[in-house]
Amino acid sequence: MLSSNIIGLFPYGFTVTSQILITFACSISTFIGITIIGFTVFKFDLIKFFIPSSVTNKPLKFFLILIEVLSYIIRPFSLGIRLFANMLAGHTLIYILASFTHSLALKFLF
């Protein structure tokens, strides 16, 4: 990941993490790996992480577990979108600054 992003800093280099499918693939593969490691280390005690300990009301506990599981499943998609947006914003900022610098250089030097 680091080397592919550093390659994108050089002229005519391409940063692979500026593509949304690559960021989704990275986040989903990390999510699957963490879930597999969690089940191998904690067995079915991993499910206890979704159960809030402070809630004593049974119907409320059911909805909170549902919300926790849903947020756990949605997390890789939000991480993929965040990485893509950060890379796109960085590239856009560099383009804007380079264009501004180029236009200033043309105006004042020539």
Protein backbone atom coordinates (compact mmCIF):
# COMPACT_ATOMS: atom_id res chain seq x y z
CA MET A 1 0.00 0.00 0.00
CA LEU A 2 2.78 2.42 0.92
CA SER A 3 4.90 1.65 -2.13
CA SER A 4 1.95 1.96 -4.51
CA ASN A 5 1.07 5.36 -3.06
CA ILE A 6 4.69 6.55 -3.23
CA ILE A 7 4.84 5.57 -6.91
CA GLY A 8 1.90 7.91 -7.48
CA LEU A 9 3.96 10.88 -6.24
CA PHE A 10 6.34 10.69 -9.20
CA PRO A 11 5.45 12.32 -12.52
CA TYR A 12 3.38 10.05 -14.75
CA GLY A 13 3.00 7.62 -11.86
CA PHE A 14 -0.33 6.02 -11.08
CA THR A 15 -1.72 5.55 -7.59
CA VAL A 16 -3.85 2.42 -7.48
CA THR A 17 -5.70 3.51 -4.35
CA SER A 18 -7.26 6.36 -6.29
CA GLN A 19 -9.62 3.78 -7.82
CA ILE A 20 -12.70 2.97 -5.75
CA LEU A 21 -12.70 -0.76 -6.62
CA ILE A 22 -9.19 -1.15 -5.25
CA THR A 23 -10.11 0.56 -1.98
CA PHE A 24 -13.21 -1.62 -1.66
CA ALA A 25 -11.13 -4.74 -2.30
CA CYS A 26 -8.59 -3.70 0.34
CA SER A 27 -11.22 -2.91 2.96
CA ILE A 28 -13.32 -6.02 2.32
CA SER A 29 -10.31 -8.34 2.37
CA THR A 30 -9.14 -6.76 5.63
CA PHE A 31 -12.65 -7.13 7.07
CA ILE A 32 -12.83 -10.81 6.11
CA GLY A 33 -9.34 -11.46 7.51
CA ILE A 34 -10.13 -9.78 10.83
CA THR A 35 -13.40 -11.68 11.13
CA ILE A 36 -11.69 -15.02 10.42
CA ILE A 37 -8.90 -14.28 12.92
CA GLY A 38 -11.50 -13.19 15.48
CA PHE A 39 -13.42 -16.45 15.13
CA THR A 40 -10.26 -18.57 15.33
CA VAL A 41 -8.95 -16.77 18.42
CA PHE A 42 -12.18 -16.10 20.33
CA LYS A 43 -14.38 -18.87 18.84
CA PHE A 44 -18.02 -17.88 19.35
CA ASP A 45 -17.12 -15.43 22.13
CA LEU A 46 -16.67 -12.92 19.30
CA ILE A 47 -20.46 -12.58 19.22
CA LYS A 48 -20.36 -11.21 22.78
CA PHE A 49 -18.74 -8.05 21.40
CA PHE A 50 -22.07 -7.17 19.81
CA ILE A 51 -24.08 -7.52 23.02
CA PRO A 52 -24.19 -4.33 25.10
CA SER A 53 -23.62 -5.06 28.78
CA SER A 54 -25.37 -2.01 30.24
CA VAL A 55 -28.83 -2.69 28.74
CA THR A 56 -31.14 -4.86 30.83
CA ASN A 57 -34.29 -4.49 28.74
CA LYS A 58 -34.63 -7.52 26.40
CA PRO A 59 -36.44 -5.84 23.46
CA LEU A 60 -34.01 -2.93 23.54
CA LYS A 61 -31.06 -5.35 23.67
CA PHE A 62 -32.34 -7.08 20.51
CA PHE A 63 -32.42 -3.81 18.56
CA LEU A 64 -29.01 -2.75 19.84
CA ILE A 65 -27.48 -6.08 18.77
CA LEU A 66 -29.08 -5.64 15.35
CA ILE A 67 -27.61 -2.13 15.04
CA GLU A 68 -24.15 -3.31 16.17
CA VAL A 69 -24.07 -6.18 13.66
CA LEU A 70 -25.29 -3.90 10.88
CA SER A 71 -22.61 -1.30 11.66
CA TYR A 72 -19.96 -4.06 11.71
CA ILE A 73 -21.02 -5.25 8.26
CA ILE A 74 -21.20 -1.73 6.77
CA ARG A 75 -17.77 -0.72 8.13
CA PRO A 76 -15.68 -2.02 5.17
CA PHE A 77 -17.76 -0.04 2.70
CA SER A 78 -17.41 3.18 4.68
CA LEU A 79 -13.65 2.62 5.02
CA GLY A 80 -13.31 2.02 1.28
CA ILE A 81 -15.25 5.19 0.47
CA ARG A 82 -13.19 7.21 2.98
CA LEU A 83 -9.88 6.02 1.53
CA PHE A 84 -11.04 6.75 -2.01
CA ALA A 85 -12.32 10.21 -1.04
CA ASN A 86 -9.06 11.08 0.74
CA MET A 87 -6.97 10.00 -2.25
CA LEU A 88 -9.23 11.87 -4.67
CA ALA A 89 -9.11 15.02 -2.51
CA GLY A 90 -5.31 14.82 -2.33
CA HIS A 91 -4.96 14.47 -6.08
CA THR A 92 -7.43 17.28 -6.68
CA LEU A 93 -5.58 19.56 -4.27
CA ILE A 94 -2.23 18.85 -5.92
CA TYR A 95 -3.75 19.52 -9.35
CA ILE A 96 -5.27 22.83 -8.21
CA LEU A 97 -2.04 24.00 -6.58
CA ALA A 98 0.06 22.98 -9.59
CA SER A 99 -2.31 24.74 -12.00
CA PHE A 100 -2.30 27.88 -9.87
CA THR A 101 1.48 27.88 -9.63
CA HIS A 102 1.80 27.33 -13.37
CA SER A 103 -0.59 30.19 -14.18
CA LEU A 104 1.27 32.52 -11.79
CA ALA A 105 4.60 31.55 -13.33
CA LEU A 106 3.29 32.25 -16.84
CA LYS A 107 1.84 35.59 -15.79
CA PHE A 108 4.81 36.97 -13.87
CA LEU A 109 7.79 35.36 -15.57
CA PHE A 110 6.85 35.80 -19.22
